[in-house]
Each structure stands twice: as structure tokens, then as C-alpha cells.
């Protein structure tokens, strides 16, 4: 069994578990609308050491970029950018490397400490 994402106008609208032959029958519509995705692929890396498939596991609302043959999440903030090979959105300022929890503030273009007790 494998995971397949249904693509409509470049956006993932459904993700199912099925065999390739079932997708190929056309019972779910045009087989070309279904693209295989890997539950074990995140940020261009296969979590079990295998070959990554299409950069990220597809989720509903994700974009399928047919030119680069990758899936990526919706853009979380207008200032964030995405690039290969991870196809994961990056803030314009790196996330702080300490024990605190931060949230992004788009207006200030910075990470705000959101730790409990602050």
C-alpha cells in the first residue's frame, strides 16, 4: 500500500492509502490527478534512510509543484520563503536556539518569546 494525493489545480484536496493498480483503474477519476506521496519524507529527507519522495508528505491544502515534482505546505506568513532541497518555509530571521518557546510576529519580523512564566 502507498499514499496518494489527489491534485486539483495544483492543490492537494485528498490523501488516501491505496495500491497503484487501484488508482490506475480510474474508479476515483483521472489517474493522472493522483500523485504518490511518502509518509516518511519530510524536508527532502526520508526518515528511515530510504530515497525521499517529492520532498514532503502531502497534506490537504499543500501545493504540488509539478515542475519540481514536490509537495509543500501553505505559506505561513508573507515574509517567509521556500527553497530546495527541503521545500520547507523559512522565516527571514532564524529561530532562536535556546530553551524558550517562540512565536513569529509578522509585523515586527521577529520571534517573540512565548515561554510559560515569562
Protein backbone atom coordinates (compact mmCIF):
# COMPACT_ATOMS: atom_id res chain seq x y z
CA UNK A 1 0.00 0.00 0.00
CA UNK A 2 1.07 3.55 -0.66
CA UNK A 3 -0.22 7.06 -0.02
CA UNK A 4 -1.64 9.07 -2.92
CA UNK A 5 -2.61 12.73 -3.05
CA UNK A 6 -5.40 14.00 -5.29
CA UNK A 7 -4.30 17.18 -7.03
CA UNK A 8 -6.80 19.77 -8.23
CA UNK A 9 -5.40 22.97 -9.77
CA UNK A 10 -2.06 22.31 -8.08
CA UNK A 11 -3.53 21.88 -4.59
CA UNK A 12 -3.88 18.64 -2.59
CA UNK A 13 -7.56 18.02 -1.87
CA UNK A 14 -7.41 14.46 -0.57
CA UNK A 15 -4.85 11.90 0.61
CA UNK A 16 -5.61 8.17 0.63
CA UNK A 17 -3.89 4.83 1.11
CA UNK A 18 -4.24 2.56 -1.93
CA UNK A 19 -2.43 0.28 -4.33
CA UNK A 20 -1.17 1.76 -7.59
CA UNK A 21 -3.34 -0.64 -9.59
CA UNK A 22 -6.47 0.72 -7.83
CA UNK A 23 -5.54 4.30 -8.74
CA UNK A 24 -4.84 3.16 -12.31
CA UNK A 25 -8.35 1.68 -12.71
CA UNK A 26 -9.84 5.16 -12.83
CA UNK A 27 -12.54 4.33 -10.28
CA UNK A 28 -11.52 7.53 -8.44
CA UNK A 29 -11.44 9.60 -11.61
CA UNK A 30 -8.49 10.51 -13.78
CA UNK A 31 -5.47 8.53 -12.53
CA UNK A 32 -3.25 11.45 -13.54
CA UNK A 33 -4.88 13.51 -10.77
CA UNK A 34 -3.36 11.19 -8.15
CA UNK A 35 0.31 11.57 -7.19
CA UNK A 36 2.13 9.23 -4.84
CA UNK A 37 3.47 10.73 -1.62
CA UNK A 38 5.62 9.25 1.14
CA UNK A 39 4.60 9.38 4.79
CA UNK A 40 8.28 9.00 5.64
CA UNK A 41 9.54 12.00 3.66
CA UNK A 42 10.00 15.36 5.37
CA UNK A 43 12.16 18.27 4.30
CA UNK A 44 13.64 16.32 1.42
CA UNK A 45 14.83 13.51 3.72
CA UNK A 46 13.45 10.00 4.06
CA UNK A 47 13.11 9.43 7.82
CA UNK A 48 14.03 5.74 7.53
CA UNK A 49 17.08 6.31 5.36
CA UNK A 50 15.37 5.47 2.07
CA UNK A 51 15.03 7.63 -1.01
CA UNK A 52 12.88 10.74 -0.34
CA UNK A 53 9.78 11.12 -2.48
CA UNK A 54 8.61 14.58 -3.55
CA UNK A 55 10.31 16.48 -0.68
CA UNK A 56 7.43 16.29 1.83
CA UNK A 57 4.45 14.13 2.69
CA UNK A 58 1.39 15.73 1.12
CA UNK A 59 -1.33 17.19 3.31
CA UNK A 60 -4.68 18.65 2.38
CA UNK A 61 -4.11 22.23 1.25
CA UNK A 62 -0.49 21.59 0.28
CA UNK A 63 0.79 22.68 -3.11
CA UNK A 64 2.00 20.17 -5.66
CA UNK A 65 4.69 21.81 -7.79
CA UNK A 66 4.67 19.67 -10.93
CA UNK A 67 7.74 21.36 -12.39
CA UNK A 68 9.89 20.47 -9.38
CA UNK A 69 7.82 17.36 -8.55
CA UNK A 70 7.46 18.31 -4.87
CA UNK A 71 4.82 18.91 -2.21
CA UNK A 72 5.00 21.81 0.22
CA UNK A 73 2.79 23.32 2.93
CA UNK A 74 0.86 26.58 2.57
CA UNK A 75 2.93 29.69 3.22
CA UNK A 76 2.55 30.54 6.94
CA UNK A 77 3.48 34.25 6.63
CA UNK A 78 4.05 36.58 3.66
CA UNK A 79 7.68 37.20 4.64
CA UNK A 80 8.66 33.52 4.72
CA UNK A 81 10.43 31.92 1.76
CA UNK A 82 10.81 28.39 0.49
CA UNK A 83 13.58 26.71 -1.43
CA UNK A 84 15.07 23.40 -2.44
CA UNK A 85 16.09 20.91 -1.26
CA UNK A 86 13.85 20.97 1.84
CA UNK A 87 10.76 22.73 0.44
CA UNK A 88 10.02 23.93 3.97
CA UNK A 89 9.12 27.56 4.65
CA UNK A 90 11.82 29.59 6.40
CA UNK A 91 11.41 32.77 8.42
CA UNK A 92 13.60 35.73 7.42
CA UNK A 93 15.15 35.52 10.91
CA UNK A 94 16.39 32.16 12.26
CA UNK A 95 14.50 30.61 15.17
CA UNK A 96 16.38 31.32 18.45
CA UNK A 97 18.47 28.44 19.77
CA UNK A 98 17.67 28.30 23.46
CA UNK A 99 15.21 26.56 25.80
CA UNK A 100 12.40 29.10 25.28
CA UNK A 101 9.37 28.77 23.02
CA UNK A 102 8.87 31.47 20.42
CA UNK A 103 6.11 32.57 18.05
CA UNK A 104 6.61 34.54 14.86
CA UNK A 105 5.44 38.16 14.79
CA UNK A 106 4.96 39.13 11.16
CA UNK A 107 4.53 42.84 11.84
CA UNK A 108 7.79 43.06 13.80
CA UNK A 109 9.54 40.48 11.59
CA UNK A 110 10.89 38.74 14.68
CA UNK A 111 10.44 35.83 17.06
CA UNK A 112 8.63 36.66 20.30
CA UNK A 113 9.31 34.69 23.47
CA UNK A 114 6.14 32.75 24.32
CA UNK A 115 7.55 30.64 27.16
CA UNK A 116 5.36 29.91 30.18
CA UNK A 117 6.19 32.14 33.13
CA UNK A 118 7.54 34.99 31.03
